[in-house]
Amino acid sequence: MRKKVVTIGIRGKSIRPFLVLFLLVFSTLLQAQEKGETTDSLTQKPKHRVIWVADIESRKPLKNVTIQLDRRKEKVQTEWGGRFVLKNDSFQTMTLTHPSYLTRVIEQKEGVPDTIFLLPSGQQLAEVVVIGHAPKMAISTEDIRKYAAENYTPSGSGASVSFDFFDLIDFKGRKHKKRAKKMKEIMEDY
C-alpha cells in the first residue's frame, strides 16, 4: 500500500520555508526590542537607544535628570521610569545633571552603557545649633491669686459640705481640683 503525503501550503508548495523566514525575522525584531535598540534595515546601525538612569545606592530609576549632549542648547529629561531615548550617537560628551546628585560627564569614546548610575550629592550640614528661650508666663501671679481667692475657700472656714454623685465619676474634674489645690498651696508659699 502506498501512503499519500499531504502538503500544506500555497498551490501545492510547502509552507515550511516561509515559516522559517518569518520566525527568523520575528526573533531578530524581538532581540532588538530587548536591547532597547531599533536598527536601520539598510545600514544595520541603531537609529536610537533607550538608556536608563538610576541611583547607584538604591538602584531606583531617577526622573527629571537633565541630559545635554556637547553643551548644545537642546536638553532632554528622563521620564518617571528614569528612561530617555538617545537619538543621536554623534556627540563628544554627555552631561547628566540632577539637583540631588553629582553631575556626571560621559565621553563617547568611553562608551555609553544601557544604564547610567548617579551618585547622591551628600550635601550635609556640618553643625546645627538650636537655641531655646524660657517660655513667658501668659498669666501673671497676681491674676492667679485673685482667681484662687474668688473660687476656692480654705478648709475649716465653716463652709458647708456637699455631695455630688457625678463628681465621683468625673476623673478630669478631680484632676483639675487637685491641680488647683496644688497651685493654691504653691501660691501661698510663693
N, C-alpha and C. Protein backbone atom coordinates (compact mmCIF):
# COMPACT_ATOMS: atom_id res chain seq x y z
N MET A 1 0.80 -1.17 0.00
CA MET A 1 0.00 0.00 0.00
C MET A 1 0.85 1.24 0.00
N ARG A 2 0.45 2.13 -0.73
CA ARG A 2 1.21 3.36 -0.86
C ARG A 2 0.56 4.45 -0.02
N LYS A 3 1.39 5.19 0.79
CA LYS A 3 0.87 6.27 1.62
C LYS A 3 0.83 7.54 0.81
N LYS A 4 -0.20 8.29 1.04
CA LYS A 4 -0.34 9.54 0.34
C LYS A 4 0.18 10.65 1.26
N VAL A 5 1.10 11.47 0.79
CA VAL A 5 1.69 12.58 1.56
C VAL A 5 0.91 13.83 1.23
N VAL A 6 0.42 14.47 2.27
CA VAL A 6 -0.34 15.70 2.09
C VAL A 6 0.56 16.86 2.49
N THR A 7 0.70 17.82 1.61
CA THR A 7 1.50 19.02 1.91
C THR A 7 0.56 20.19 2.12
N ILE A 8 0.88 20.97 3.14
CA ILE A 8 0.08 22.16 3.43
C ILE A 8 0.85 23.33 2.85
N GLY A 9 0.21 24.13 2.09
CA GLY A 9 0.89 25.27 1.52
C GLY A 9 0.04 25.98 0.50
N ILE A 10 0.69 26.80 -0.26
CA ILE A 10 0.02 27.58 -1.29
C ILE A 10 0.33 26.95 -2.63
N ARG A 11 -0.70 26.60 -3.37
CA ARG A 11 -0.58 26.00 -4.70
C ARG A 11 0.30 24.75 -4.69
N GLY A 12 0.16 23.98 -3.66
CA GLY A 12 0.87 22.72 -3.59
C GLY A 12 2.31 22.83 -3.12
N LYS A 13 2.79 24.04 -2.85
CA LYS A 13 4.16 24.23 -2.36
C LYS A 13 4.17 24.19 -0.84
N SER A 14 5.27 23.78 -0.27
CA SER A 14 5.39 23.67 1.17
C SER A 14 5.49 25.06 1.81
N ILE A 15 4.90 25.19 2.99
CA ILE A 15 4.91 26.46 3.72
C ILE A 15 6.12 26.55 4.65
N ARG A 16 6.88 25.48 4.79
CA ARG A 16 8.00 25.43 5.72
C ARG A 16 9.03 26.55 5.49
N PRO A 17 9.50 26.84 4.25
CA PRO A 17 10.47 27.92 4.08
C PRO A 17 9.92 29.28 4.51
N PHE A 18 8.63 29.52 4.27
CA PHE A 18 8.04 30.79 4.69
C PHE A 18 7.96 30.89 6.21
N LEU A 19 7.65 29.77 6.83
CA LEU A 19 7.57 29.74 8.28
C LEU A 19 8.94 29.99 8.92
N VAL A 20 9.98 29.39 8.38
CA VAL A 20 11.34 29.59 8.89
C VAL A 20 11.76 31.04 8.70
N LEU A 21 11.47 31.62 7.56
CA LEU A 21 11.82 33.02 7.30
C LEU A 21 11.08 33.95 8.26
N PHE A 22 9.79 33.69 8.49
CA PHE A 22 9.00 34.50 9.40
C PHE A 22 9.56 34.43 10.83
N LEU A 23 9.87 33.24 11.31
CA LEU A 23 10.42 33.08 12.66
C LEU A 23 11.78 33.75 12.80
N LEU A 24 12.60 33.72 11.75
CA LEU A 24 13.92 34.36 11.78
C LEU A 24 13.77 35.88 11.91
N VAL A 25 12.88 36.48 11.12
CA VAL A 25 12.66 37.93 11.18
C VAL A 25 12.05 38.32 12.52
N PHE A 26 11.08 37.55 13.00
CA PHE A 26 10.43 37.84 14.27
C PHE A 26 11.42 37.78 15.44
N SER A 27 12.30 36.78 15.46
CA SER A 27 13.27 36.67 16.55
C SER A 27 14.28 37.81 16.52
N THR A 28 14.65 38.27 15.33
CA THR A 28 15.57 39.41 15.21
C THR A 28 14.93 40.67 15.77
N LEU A 29 13.67 40.90 15.43
CA LEU A 29 12.97 42.07 15.96
C LEU A 29 12.81 41.98 17.47
N LEU A 30 12.55 40.81 17.98
CA LEU A 30 12.40 40.63 19.41
C LEU A 30 13.70 40.91 20.16
N GLN A 31 14.82 40.49 19.62
CA GLN A 31 16.12 40.76 20.24
C GLN A 31 16.42 42.25 20.20
N ALA A 32 16.08 42.93 19.14
CA ALA A 32 16.32 44.37 19.05
C ALA A 32 15.49 45.11 20.09
N GLN A 33 14.28 44.67 20.35
CA GLN A 33 13.46 45.32 21.36
C GLN A 33 13.99 45.07 22.75
N GLU A 34 14.51 43.89 23.02
CA GLU A 34 15.07 43.59 24.34
C GLU A 34 16.27 44.46 24.63
N LYS A 35 17.07 44.76 23.63
CA LYS A 35 18.24 45.61 23.83
C LYS A 35 17.85 47.08 23.93
N GLY A 36 16.63 47.41 23.51
CA GLY A 36 16.22 48.80 23.53
C GLY A 36 16.71 49.52 22.30
N GLU A 37 16.99 48.81 21.23
CA GLU A 37 17.50 49.43 20.02
C GLU A 37 16.62 49.04 18.84
N THR A 38 16.49 49.94 17.91
CA THR A 38 15.89 49.59 16.62
C THR A 38 16.94 49.93 15.58
N THR A 39 17.05 49.08 14.56
CA THR A 39 18.11 49.28 13.59
C THR A 39 17.54 49.72 12.25
N ASP A 40 18.36 50.44 11.55
CA ASP A 40 18.03 50.81 10.18
C ASP A 40 18.24 49.56 9.32
N SER A 41 17.27 49.24 8.48
CA SER A 41 17.35 47.98 7.73
C SER A 41 18.48 47.97 6.71
N LEU A 42 18.91 49.12 6.21
CA LEU A 42 19.97 49.15 5.20
C LEU A 42 21.36 49.14 5.81
N THR A 43 21.60 49.99 6.78
CA THR A 43 22.95 50.13 7.32
C THR A 43 23.20 49.28 8.56
N GLN A 44 22.15 48.73 9.14
CA GLN A 44 22.23 47.93 10.37
C GLN A 44 22.83 48.72 11.54
N LYS A 45 22.72 50.05 11.50
CA LYS A 45 23.17 50.89 12.61
C LYS A 45 21.94 51.27 13.43
N PRO A 46 22.10 51.38 14.73
CA PRO A 46 20.94 51.73 15.55
C PRO A 46 20.44 53.14 15.25
N LYS A 47 19.12 53.30 15.13
CA LYS A 47 18.53 54.62 14.95
C LYS A 47 18.53 55.37 16.28
N HIS A 48 18.14 54.68 17.34
CA HIS A 48 18.14 55.28 18.67
C HIS A 48 18.33 54.20 19.73
N ARG A 49 18.74 54.66 20.92
CA ARG A 49 18.96 53.75 22.04
C ARG A 49 18.14 54.22 23.23
N VAL A 50 17.63 53.28 23.97
CA VAL A 50 16.92 53.59 25.21
C VAL A 50 17.92 53.40 26.35
N ILE A 51 18.07 54.45 27.15
CA ILE A 51 19.04 54.42 28.26
C ILE A 51 18.30 54.75 29.55
N TRP A 52 18.63 54.03 30.61
CA TRP A 52 18.01 54.25 31.92
C TRP A 52 19.02 54.92 32.84
N VAL A 53 18.51 55.81 33.70
CA VAL A 53 19.33 56.50 34.70
C VAL A 53 18.79 56.11 36.08
N ALA A 54 19.69 55.66 36.98
CA ALA A 54 19.26 55.16 38.29
C ALA A 54 20.20 55.64 39.39
N ASP A 55 19.72 55.57 40.62
CA ASP A 55 20.52 55.88 41.81
C ASP A 55 21.47 54.72 42.04
N ILE A 56 22.73 55.02 42.33
CA ILE A 56 23.73 53.96 42.48
C ILE A 56 23.54 53.17 43.78
N GLU A 57 22.97 53.80 44.82
CA GLU A 57 22.80 53.12 46.09
C GLU A 57 21.53 52.27 46.13
N SER A 58 20.41 52.84 45.71
CA SER A 58 19.14 52.11 45.80
C SER A 58 18.76 51.41 44.51
N ARG A 59 19.43 51.73 43.42
CA ARG A 59 19.14 51.16 42.10
C ARG A 59 17.75 51.53 41.60
N LYS A 60 17.15 52.58 42.15
CA LYS A 60 15.84 53.03 41.71
C LYS A 60 16.00 54.01 40.56
N PRO A 61 15.10 53.96 39.58
CA PRO A 61 15.18 54.89 38.45
C PRO A 61 14.97 56.33 38.90
N LEU A 62 15.65 57.25 38.24
CA LEU A 62 15.56 58.67 38.59
C LEU A 62 14.82 59.42 37.50
N LYS A 63 13.82 60.21 37.92
CA LYS A 63 13.12 61.03 36.95
C LYS A 63 13.68 62.46 37.01
N ASN A 64 13.43 63.21 35.97
CA ASN A 64 13.84 64.61 35.84
C ASN A 64 15.35 64.82 35.87
N VAL A 65 16.10 63.85 35.37
CA VAL A 65 17.54 64.04 35.18
C VAL A 65 17.71 64.72 33.82
N THR A 66 18.48 65.80 33.79
CA THR A 66 18.67 66.55 32.55
C THR A 66 19.89 66.01 31.82
N ILE A 67 19.72 65.70 30.53
CA ILE A 67 20.80 65.18 29.70
C ILE A 67 21.09 66.20 28.62
N GLN A 68 22.37 66.55 28.50
CA GLN A 68 22.79 67.53 27.49
C GLN A 68 23.98 66.95 26.73
N LEU A 69 23.92 67.02 25.41
CA LEU A 69 24.99 66.50 24.58
C LEU A 69 25.85 67.65 24.07
N ASP A 70 27.16 67.58 24.30
CA ASP A 70 28.14 68.55 23.80
C ASP A 70 27.77 70.00 24.08
N ARG A 71 27.19 70.28 25.20
CA ARG A 71 26.84 71.64 25.60
C ARG A 71 25.94 72.33 24.57
N ARG A 72 25.12 71.57 23.91
CA ARG A 72 24.15 72.13 22.97
C ARG A 72 23.00 72.76 23.73
N LYS A 73 22.19 73.52 23.03
CA LYS A 73 21.06 74.17 23.68
C LYS A 73 19.96 73.17 24.01
N GLU A 74 19.80 72.16 23.19
CA GLU A 74 18.72 71.19 23.42
C GLU A 74 19.07 70.26 24.57
N LYS A 75 18.09 70.07 25.43
CA LYS A 75 18.26 69.21 26.60
C LYS A 75 17.10 68.23 26.64
N VAL A 76 17.35 67.07 27.22
CA VAL A 76 16.33 66.03 27.36
C VAL A 76 16.25 65.68 28.84
N GLN A 77 15.04 65.38 29.32
CA GLN A 77 14.87 64.95 30.71
C GLN A 77 14.33 63.53 30.74
N THR A 78 14.75 62.78 31.77
CA THR A 78 14.25 61.42 31.91
C THR A 78 12.80 61.49 32.37
N GLU A 79 12.05 60.48 31.98
CA GLU A 79 10.65 60.40 32.39
C GLU A 79 10.57 59.72 33.75
N TRP A 80 9.36 59.42 34.19
CA TRP A 80 9.16 58.87 35.54
C TRP A 80 9.86 57.55 35.76
N GLY A 81 10.11 56.78 34.72
CA GLY A 81 10.79 55.50 34.87
C GLY A 81 12.30 55.61 34.75
N GLY A 82 12.83 56.84 34.69
CA GLY A 82 14.27 57.03 34.59
C GLY A 82 14.82 56.73 33.21
N ARG A 83 13.97 56.80 32.19
CA ARG A 83 14.35 56.39 30.84
C ARG A 83 14.40 57.60 29.92
N PHE A 84 15.36 57.59 29.00
CA PHE A 84 15.38 58.57 27.93
C PHE A 84 15.89 57.89 26.66
N VAL A 85 15.58 58.51 25.53
CA VAL A 85 15.95 57.94 24.25
C VAL A 85 17.10 58.77 23.67
N LEU A 86 18.20 58.09 23.39
CA LEU A 86 19.36 58.73 22.78
C LEU A 86 19.20 58.55 21.27
N LYS A 87 18.80 59.63 20.59
CA LYS A 87 18.51 59.54 19.16
C LYS A 87 19.74 59.76 18.30
N ASN A 88 20.73 60.42 18.87
CA ASN A 88 21.89 60.81 18.08
C ASN A 88 23.15 60.28 18.75
N ASP A 89 23.88 59.43 18.06
CA ASP A 89 25.12 58.89 18.62
C ASP A 89 26.34 59.76 18.30
N SER A 90 26.14 60.85 17.57
CA SER A 90 27.28 61.69 17.18
C SER A 90 27.44 62.83 18.18
N PHE A 91 28.17 62.54 19.25
CA PHE A 91 28.47 63.55 20.26
C PHE A 91 29.81 63.22 20.89
N GLN A 92 30.42 64.21 21.52
CA GLN A 92 31.69 64.00 22.21
C GLN A 92 31.46 63.68 23.69
N THR A 93 30.61 64.50 24.35
CA THR A 93 30.35 64.31 25.77
C THR A 93 28.85 64.36 26.05
N MET A 94 28.44 63.60 27.05
CA MET A 94 27.06 63.60 27.53
C MET A 94 27.12 64.02 28.99
N THR A 95 26.36 65.06 29.36
CA THR A 95 26.35 65.57 30.72
C THR A 95 24.99 65.28 31.35
N LEU A 96 25.01 64.61 32.50
CA LEU A 96 23.78 64.28 33.23
C LEU A 96 23.77 65.08 34.52
N THR A 97 22.70 65.85 34.75
CA THR A 97 22.60 66.68 35.95
C THR A 97 21.26 66.46 36.64
N HIS A 98 21.29 66.54 37.97
CA HIS A 98 20.09 66.46 38.81
C HIS A 98 20.42 67.21 40.09
N PRO A 99 19.48 67.98 40.65
CA PRO A 99 19.79 68.78 41.85
C PRO A 99 20.28 67.96 43.05
N SER A 100 19.82 66.74 43.20
CA SER A 100 20.18 65.94 44.37
C SER A 100 21.36 65.00 44.13
N TYR A 101 21.94 65.04 42.93
CA TYR A 101 23.02 64.10 42.58
C TYR A 101 24.20 64.85 41.98
N LEU A 102 25.36 64.20 42.05
CA LEU A 102 26.55 64.77 41.44
C LEU A 102 26.43 64.74 39.92
N THR A 103 26.94 65.77 39.26
CA THR A 103 26.91 65.83 37.80
C THR A 103 27.87 64.79 37.24
N ARG A 104 27.42 64.09 36.21
CA ARG A 104 28.27 63.07 35.60
C ARG A 104 28.46 63.39 34.13
N VAL A 105 29.71 63.31 33.68
CA VAL A 105 30.05 63.56 32.27
C VAL A 105 30.58 62.25 31.70
N ILE A 106 29.97 61.81 30.60
CA ILE A 106 30.39 60.58 29.93
C ILE A 106 30.87 60.94 28.53
N GLU A 107 32.05 60.45 28.19
CA GLU A 107 32.59 60.71 26.86
C GLU A 107 32.20 59.59 25.91
N GLN A 108 32.01 59.93 24.64
CA GLN A 108 31.59 58.96 23.64
C GLN A 108 32.63 57.86 23.47
N LYS A 109 33.91 58.22 23.56
CA LYS A 109 34.95 57.22 23.36
C LYS A 109 34.97 56.16 24.47
N GLU A 110 34.46 56.51 25.67
CA GLU A 110 34.37 55.53 26.76
C GLU A 110 33.25 54.53 26.50
N GLY A 111 32.27 54.95 25.74
CA GLY A 111 31.10 54.11 25.50
C GLY A 111 30.00 54.46 26.47
N VAL A 112 28.77 54.48 25.98
CA VAL A 112 27.63 54.82 26.81
C VAL A 112 26.91 53.53 27.20
N PRO A 113 26.83 53.22 28.49
CA PRO A 113 26.16 51.98 28.91
C PRO A 113 24.64 52.12 28.79
N ASP A 114 23.95 50.98 28.89
CA ASP A 114 22.49 50.99 28.82
C ASP A 114 21.88 51.58 30.09
N THR A 115 22.56 51.43 31.23
CA THR A 115 22.10 52.01 32.49
C THR A 115 23.22 52.87 33.06
N ILE A 116 22.87 54.11 33.38
CA ILE A 116 23.84 55.05 33.94
C ILE A 116 23.45 55.29 35.40
N PHE A 117 24.41 55.13 36.30
CA PHE A 117 24.14 55.32 37.71
C PHE A 117 24.70 56.66 38.16
N LEU A 118 23.90 57.39 38.97
CA LEU A 118 24.33 58.67 39.53
C LEU A 118 24.54 58.53 41.03
N LEU A 119 25.52 59.28 41.52
CA LEU A 119 25.89 59.26 42.93
C LEU A 119 25.21 60.42 43.66
N PRO A 120 24.54 60.18 44.80
CA PRO A 120 23.91 61.28 45.54
C PRO A 120 24.95 62.32 45.95
N SER A 121 24.52 63.60 45.96
CA SER A 121 25.47 64.67 46.25
C SER A 121 25.93 64.66 47.70
N GLY A 122 25.10 64.18 48.60
CA GLY A 122 25.51 64.06 50.00
C GLY A 122 25.78 65.38 50.67
N GLN A 123 25.01 66.39 50.33
CA GLN A 123 25.18 67.68 50.99
C GLN A 123 24.59 67.59 52.39
N GLN A 124 25.46 67.74 53.39
CA GLN A 124 25.02 67.64 54.77
C GLN A 124 25.49 68.87 55.51
N LEU A 125 24.73 69.24 56.51
CA LEU A 125 25.12 70.37 57.35
C LEU A 125 26.22 69.91 58.30
N ALA A 126 27.23 70.76 58.47
CA ALA A 126 28.34 70.41 59.35
C ALA A 126 27.91 70.43 60.81
N GLU A 127 27.14 71.45 61.19
CA GLU A 127 26.74 71.59 62.58
C GLU A 127 25.40 72.29 62.65
N VAL A 128 24.56 71.87 63.56
CA VAL A 128 23.27 72.50 63.77
C VAL A 128 23.22 73.01 65.20
N VAL A 129 22.89 74.28 65.38
CA VAL A 129 22.81 74.88 66.70
C VAL A 129 21.35 75.24 66.96
N VAL A 130 20.81 74.73 68.08
CA VAL A 130 19.44 75.03 68.46
C VAL A 130 19.48 75.89 69.70
N ILE A 131 18.83 77.04 69.64
CA ILE A 131 18.81 77.97 70.77
C ILE A 131 17.36 78.05 71.26
N GLY A 132 17.17 77.83 72.56
CA GLY A 132 15.83 77.90 73.14
C GLY A 132 15.77 78.97 74.20
N HIS A 133 14.60 79.53 74.36
CA HIS A 133 14.38 80.55 75.39
C HIS A 133 13.29 80.05 76.33
N ALA A 134 13.37 80.47 77.58
CA ALA A 134 12.37 80.08 78.57
C ALA A 134 11.03 80.69 78.17
N PRO A 135 9.95 79.93 78.35
CA PRO A 135 8.64 80.47 77.97
C PRO A 135 8.22 81.58 78.94
N LYS A 136 7.51 82.54 78.40
CA LYS A 136 7.00 83.63 79.23
C LYS A 136 5.61 83.23 79.71
N MET A 137 5.32 83.57 80.96
CA MET A 137 4.02 83.23 81.51
C MET A 137 2.97 84.14 80.92
N ALA A 138 1.87 83.54 80.49
CA ALA A 138 0.79 84.32 79.91
C ALA A 138 -0.11 84.92 81.00
N ILE A 139 -0.09 84.29 82.18
CA ILE A 139 -0.92 84.76 83.29
C ILE A 139 0.02 85.23 84.39
N SER A 140 -0.26 86.38 84.92
CA SER A 140 0.59 86.89 86.00
C SER A 140 0.22 86.23 87.32
N THR A 141 1.14 86.25 88.26
CA THR A 141 0.89 85.64 89.57
C THR A 141 -0.24 86.37 90.29
N GLU A 142 -0.41 87.64 90.05
CA GLU A 142 -1.50 88.41 90.67
C GLU A 142 -2.86 87.90 90.19
N ASP A 143 -2.96 87.57 88.91
CA ASP A 143 -4.21 87.02 88.37
C ASP A 143 -4.52 85.67 89.00
N ILE A 144 -3.50 84.85 89.23
CA ILE A 144 -3.69 83.53 89.83
C ILE A 144 -4.18 83.68 91.27
N ARG A 145 -3.60 84.59 92.02
CA ARG A 145 -4.02 84.82 93.40
C ARG A 145 -5.48 85.29 93.46
N LYS A 146 -5.84 86.20 92.55
CA LYS A 146 -7.19 86.73 92.53
C LYS A 146 -8.19 85.61 92.19
N TYR A 147 -7.86 84.76 91.24
CA TYR A 147 -8.74 83.66 90.84
C TYR A 147 -8.89 82.65 91.96
N ALA A 148 -7.79 82.34 92.66
CA ALA A 148 -7.84 81.39 93.77
C ALA A 148 -8.67 81.94 94.91
N ALA A 149 -8.58 83.23 95.19
CA ALA A 149 -9.34 83.83 96.29
C ALA A 149 -10.83 83.84 95.98
N GLU A 150 -11.20 84.03 94.74
CA GLU A 150 -12.62 84.09 94.38
C GLU A 150 -13.26 82.70 94.32
N ASN A 151 -12.53 81.70 93.88
CA ASN A 151 -13.13 80.40 93.60
C ASN A 151 -12.91 79.33 94.66
N TYR A 152 -11.95 79.49 95.51
CA TYR A 152 -11.66 78.44 96.49
C TYR A 152 -11.68 79.02 97.90
N THR A 153 -12.35 78.28 98.80
CA THR A 153 -12.38 78.70 100.20
C THR A 153 -11.47 77.77 100.98
N PRO A 154 -10.74 78.29 101.93
CA PRO A 154 -9.86 77.43 102.71
C PRO A 154 -10.67 76.46 103.56
N SER A 155 -10.10 75.27 103.78
CA SER A 155 -10.81 74.25 104.57
C SER A 155 -10.87 74.69 106.04
N GLY A 156 -11.95 74.33 106.71
CA GLY A 156 -12.10 74.71 108.12
C GLY A 156 -12.66 76.10 108.29
N SER A 157 -13.16 76.73 107.24
CA SER A 157 -13.69 78.08 107.37
C SER A 157 -15.20 78.07 107.55
N GLY A 158 -15.75 76.87 107.86
CA GLY A 158 -17.18 76.78 108.11
C GLY A 158 -17.98 76.63 106.84
N ALA A 159 -17.37 76.25 105.75
CA ALA A 159 -18.10 76.06 104.51
C ALA A 159 -18.91 74.79 104.59
N SER A 160 -20.03 74.76 103.94
CA SER A 160 -20.91 73.59 104.01
C SER A 160 -20.33 72.45 103.16
N VAL A 161 -20.62 71.23 103.58
CA VAL A 161 -20.16 70.05 102.88
C VAL A 161 -21.29 69.58 101.97
N SER A 162 -20.98 69.32 100.73
CA SER A 162 -22.00 68.85 99.79
C SER A 162 -21.52 67.55 99.15
N PHE A 163 -22.46 66.79 98.61
CA PHE A 163 -22.12 65.52 97.96
C PHE A 163 -22.72 65.53 96.56
N ASP A 164 -21.87 65.18 95.60
CA ASP A 164 -22.32 65.11 94.21
C ASP A 164 -21.91 63.74 93.67
N PHE A 165 -22.92 62.92 93.29
CA PHE A 165 -22.64 61.57 92.79
C PHE A 165 -21.80 61.61 91.50
N PHE A 166 -22.12 62.51 90.60
CA PHE A 166 -21.41 62.58 89.32
C PHE A 166 -19.97 63.08 89.50
N ASP A 167 -19.71 63.72 90.61
CA ASP A 167 -18.35 64.18 90.89
C ASP A 167 -17.42 62.99 91.15
N LEU A 168 -17.96 61.86 91.58
CA LEU A 168 -17.16 60.66 91.80
C LEU A 168 -16.66 60.08 90.47
N ILE A 169 -17.46 60.20 89.43
CA ILE A 169 -17.12 59.65 88.12
C ILE A 169 -16.25 60.60 87.30
N ASP A 170 -16.36 61.86 87.58
CA ASP A 170 -15.65 62.89 86.79
C ASP A 170 -14.17 62.90 87.16
N PHE A 171 -13.38 62.09 86.42
CA PHE A 171 -11.95 62.00 86.71
C PHE A 171 -11.20 63.27 86.33
N LYS A 172 -11.62 63.89 85.23
CA LYS A 172 -10.95 65.13 84.82
C LYS A 172 -11.20 66.24 85.82
N GLY A 173 -12.44 66.30 86.31
CA GLY A 173 -12.76 67.32 87.31
C GLY A 173 -11.94 67.15 88.57
N ARG A 174 -11.76 65.87 88.98
CA ARG A 174 -10.94 65.59 90.15
C ARG A 174 -9.49 66.01 89.90
N LYS A 175 -9.04 65.73 88.69
CA LYS A 175 -7.67 66.08 88.33
C LYS A 175 -7.49 67.60 88.36
N HIS A 176 -8.48 68.32 87.85
CA HIS A 176 -8.39 69.78 87.86
C HIS A 176 -8.43 70.34 89.28
N LYS A 177 -9.24 69.71 90.13
CA LYS A 177 -9.31 70.17 91.52
C LYS A 177 -7.98 69.95 92.23
N LYS A 178 -7.36 68.78 92.00
CA LYS A 178 -6.05 68.52 92.61
C LYS A 178 -5.04 69.54 92.14
N ARG A 179 -5.07 69.82 90.84
CA ARG A 179 -4.12 70.79 90.28
C ARG A 179 -4.36 72.18 90.88
N ALA A 180 -5.64 72.55 91.01
CA ALA A 180 -5.96 73.86 91.59
C ALA A 180 -5.51 73.94 93.04
N LYS A 181 -5.68 72.82 93.77
CA LYS A 181 -5.25 72.79 95.17
C LYS A 181 -3.74 72.95 95.29
N LYS A 182 -3.00 72.23 94.42
CA LYS A 182 -1.54 72.36 94.42
C LYS A 182 -1.12 73.77 94.08
N MET A 183 -1.80 74.36 93.11
CA MET A 183 -1.45 75.71 92.69
C MET A 183 -1.69 76.70 93.83
N LYS A 184 -2.77 76.48 94.57
CA LYS A 184 -3.07 77.36 95.69
C LYS A 184 -1.99 77.24 96.77
N GLU A 185 -1.56 75.98 97.07
CA GLU A 185 -0.51 75.79 98.06
C GLU A 185 0.79 76.45 97.61
N ILE A 186 1.10 76.31 96.34
CA ILE A 186 2.33 76.92 95.81
C ILE A 186 2.24 78.44 95.94
N MET A 187 1.08 78.99 95.63
CA MET A 187 0.95 80.45 95.66
C MET A 187 1.01 80.98 97.10
N GLU A 188 0.52 80.21 98.07
CA GLU A 188 0.62 80.64 99.46
C GLU A 188 2.06 80.68 99.91
N ASP A 189 2.89 79.74 99.43
CA ASP A 189 4.28 79.71 99.80
C ASP A 189 5.14 80.65 98.98
N TYR A 190 4.61 81.14 97.92
CA TYR A 190 5.38 81.96 96.98
C TYR A 190 5.66 83.28 97.59
